[in-house]
Amino acid sequence: MESLPTTIFVEVRPDPFERRQVARWFLSAFEVLVTTILVSSICWWIGAVLASAVSQAIGNDLAGTFISALVWSTVFGLVGAYVTLRLLAR
């Protein structure tokens, strides 16, 4: 006995790397980047102001104040970026 040919229907799911999905990923990455830069910049300025105030209060000269502000503003900026990325990764 011969069987008749049967039609098989296959469900085709959209490709996970569809253009819209890739665009959403890029937009999300851009939002994370902008948010991190903003928070890091704000923390950088806070660190610079605090370090300058403390450095002048303890009697450092202009060069010492500048170096102190440069170091501490960088530390504050990096910590701000790290904390922002950790919070956004949740």
C-alpha atoms as a PDB file:
ATOM      1  CA  MET A   1       0.000   0.000   0.000  1.00  0.00           C
ATOM      2  CA  GLU A   2       1.400   3.329  -1.039  1.00  0.00           C
ATOM      3  CA  SER A   3       1.035   6.370   1.142  1.00  0.00           C
ATOM      4  CA  LEU A   4      -0.028   9.651  -0.293  1.00  0.00           C
ATOM      5  CA  PRO A   5       2.375  12.582  -0.080  1.00  0.00           C
ATOM      6  CA  THR A   6       1.625  14.738   2.924  1.00  0.00           C
ATOM      7  CA  THR A   7       2.338  18.366   3.433  1.00  0.00           C
ATOM      8  CA  ILE A   8       4.377  19.285   6.476  1.00  0.00           C
ATOM      9  CA  PHE A   9       3.933  22.735   7.966  1.00  0.00           C
ATOM     10  CA  VAL A  10       6.940  24.148   9.740  1.00  0.00           C
ATOM     11  CA  GLU A  11       6.648  27.165  11.995  1.00  0.00           C
ATOM     12  CA  VAL A  12       9.367  29.671  11.218  1.00  0.00           C
ATOM     13  CA  ARG A  13      10.316  31.817  14.166  1.00  0.00           C
ATOM     14  CA  PRO A  14      11.938  35.191  13.647  1.00  0.00           C
ATOM     15  CA  ASP A  15      15.698  35.325  13.774  1.00  0.00           C
ATOM     16  CA  PRO A  16      16.920  36.531  17.191  1.00  0.00           C
ATOM     17  CA  PHE A  17      19.323  38.858  15.408  1.00  0.00           C
ATOM     18  CA  GLU A  18      16.552  40.628  13.629  1.00  0.00           C
ATOM     19  CA  ARG A  19      17.295  44.241  12.752  1.00  0.00           C
ATOM     20  CA  ARG A  20      14.890  45.656  15.313  1.00  0.00           C
ATOM     21  CA  GLN A  21      16.391  43.563  18.089  1.00  0.00           C
ATOM     22  CA  VAL A  22      19.915  44.646  17.173  1.00  0.00           C
ATOM     23  CA  ALA A  23      18.737  48.262  17.114  1.00  0.00           C
ATOM     24  CA  ARG A  24      17.258  47.813  20.609  1.00  0.00           C
ATOM     25  CA  TRP A  25      20.566  46.407  21.856  1.00  0.00           C
ATOM     26  CA  PHE A  26      22.492  49.349  20.415  1.00  0.00           C
ATOM     27  CA  LEU A  27      20.015  51.813  21.911  1.00  0.00           C
ATOM     28  CA  SER A  28      20.283  50.130  25.313  1.00  0.00           C
ATOM     29  CA  ALA A  29      24.077  50.183  25.139  1.00  0.00           C
ATOM     30  CA  PHE A  30      23.978  53.871  24.188  1.00  0.00           C
ATOM     31  CA  GLU A  31      21.666  54.655  27.112  1.00  0.00           C
ATOM     32  CA  VAL A  32      23.963  52.818  29.528  1.00  0.00           C
ATOM     33  CA  LEU A  33      26.983  54.659  28.117  1.00  0.00           C
ATOM     34  CA  VAL A  34      25.349  58.092  28.393  1.00  0.00           C
ATOM     35  CA  THR A  35      24.062  57.413  31.913  1.00  0.00           C
ATOM     36  CA  THR A  36      27.466  56.168  33.046  1.00  0.00           C
ATOM     37  CA  ILE A  37      29.246  59.182  31.542  1.00  0.00           C
ATOM     38  CA  LEU A  38      26.848  61.621  33.207  1.00  0.00           C
ATOM     39  CA  VAL A  39      27.095  60.029  36.653  1.00  0.00           C
ATOM     40  CA  SER A  40      30.859  59.638  36.347  1.00  0.00           C
ATOM     41  CA  SER A  41      31.253  63.300  35.344  1.00  0.00           C
ATOM     42  CA  ILE A  42      29.140  64.490  38.258  1.00  0.00           C
ATOM     43  CA  CYS A  43      31.153  62.324  40.661  1.00  0.00           C
ATOM     44  CA  TRP A  44      34.385  63.620  39.075  1.00  0.00           C
ATOM     45  CA  TRP A  45      33.385  67.222  39.783  1.00  0.00           C
ATOM     46  CA  ILE A  46      32.301  66.381  43.330  1.00  0.00           C
ATOM     47  CA  GLY A  47      35.672  64.726  43.939  1.00  0.00           C
ATOM     48  CA  ALA A  48      37.544  67.713  42.512  1.00  0.00           C
ATOM     49  CA  VAL A  49      35.632  70.215  44.655  1.00  0.00           C
ATOM     50  CA  LEU A  50      35.992  68.161  47.840  1.00  0.00           C
ATOM     51  CA  ALA A  51      39.691  67.478  47.274  1.00  0.00           C
ATOM     52  CA  SER A  52      40.399  71.147  46.532  1.00  0.00           C
ATOM     53  CA  ALA A  53      38.540  72.302  49.628  1.00  0.00           C
ATOM     54  CA  VAL A  54      40.277  69.811  51.913  1.00  0.00           C
ATOM     55  CA  SER A  55      43.677  70.448  50.333  1.00  0.00           C
ATOM     56  CA  GLN A  56      43.401  74.205  50.778  1.00  0.00           C
ATOM     57  CA  ALA A  57      42.066  73.773  54.311  1.00  0.00           C
ATOM     58  CA  ILE A  58      45.167  71.832  55.358  1.00  0.00           C
ATOM     59  CA  GLY A  59      47.425  74.457  53.791  1.00  0.00           C
ATOM     60  CA  ASN A  60      48.659  72.916  50.537  1.00  0.00           C
ATOM     61  CA  ASP A  61      49.975  75.217  47.848  1.00  0.00           C
ATOM     62  CA  LEU A  62      48.457  75.491  44.368  1.00  0.00           C
ATOM     63  CA  ALA A  63      50.425  72.548  42.917  1.00  0.00           C
ATOM     64  CA  GLY A  64      49.485  70.272  45.818  1.00  0.00           C
ATOM     65  CA  THR A  65      45.851  71.279  45.531  1.00  0.00           C
ATOM     66  CA  PHE A  66      45.880  70.580  41.790  1.00  0.00           C
ATOM     67  CA  ILE A  67      47.483  67.150  42.181  1.00  0.00           C
ATOM     68  CA  SER A  68      45.142  66.225  45.023  1.00  0.00           C
ATOM     69  CA  ALA A  69      42.096  67.314  43.030  1.00  0.00           C
ATOM     70  CA  LEU A  70      43.308  65.410  39.965  1.00  0.00           C
ATOM     71  CA  VAL A  71      43.809  62.178  41.902  1.00  0.00           C
ATOM     72  CA  TRP A  72      40.633  62.283  43.957  1.00  0.00           C
ATOM     73  CA  SER A  73      38.399  63.432  41.112  1.00  0.00           C
ATOM     74  CA  THR A  74      39.613  60.459  39.060  1.00  0.00           C
ATOM     75  CA  VAL A  75      38.887  58.102  41.957  1.00  0.00           C
ATOM     76  CA  PHE A  76      35.403  59.564  42.437  1.00  0.00           C
ATOM     77  CA  GLY A  77      34.710  59.356  38.682  1.00  0.00           C
ATOM     78  CA  LEU A  78      35.769  55.715  38.439  1.00  0.00           C
ATOM     79  CA  VAL A  79      33.764  54.753  41.518  1.00  0.00           C
ATOM     80  CA  GLY A  80      30.736  56.583  40.096  1.00  0.00           C
ATOM     81  CA  ALA A  81      31.057  54.717  36.796  1.00  0.00           C
ATOM     82  CA  TYR A  82      31.499  51.368  38.561  1.00  0.00           C
ATOM     83  CA  VAL A  83      28.497  51.854  40.842  1.00  0.00           C
ATOM     84  CA  THR A  84      26.345  53.022  37.925  1.00  0.00           C
ATOM     85  CA  LEU A  85      27.220  49.978  35.830  1.00  0.00           C
ATOM     86  CA  ARG A  86      26.611  47.638  38.773  1.00  0.00           C
ATOM     87  CA  LEU A  87      23.193  49.178  39.414  1.00  0.00           C
ATOM     88  CA  LEU A  88      22.219  49.086  35.740  1.00  0.00           C
ATOM     89  CA  ALA A  89      23.317  45.451  35.448  1.00  0.00           C
ATOM     90  CA  ARG A  90      20.708  44.327  37.985  1.00  0.00           C
END
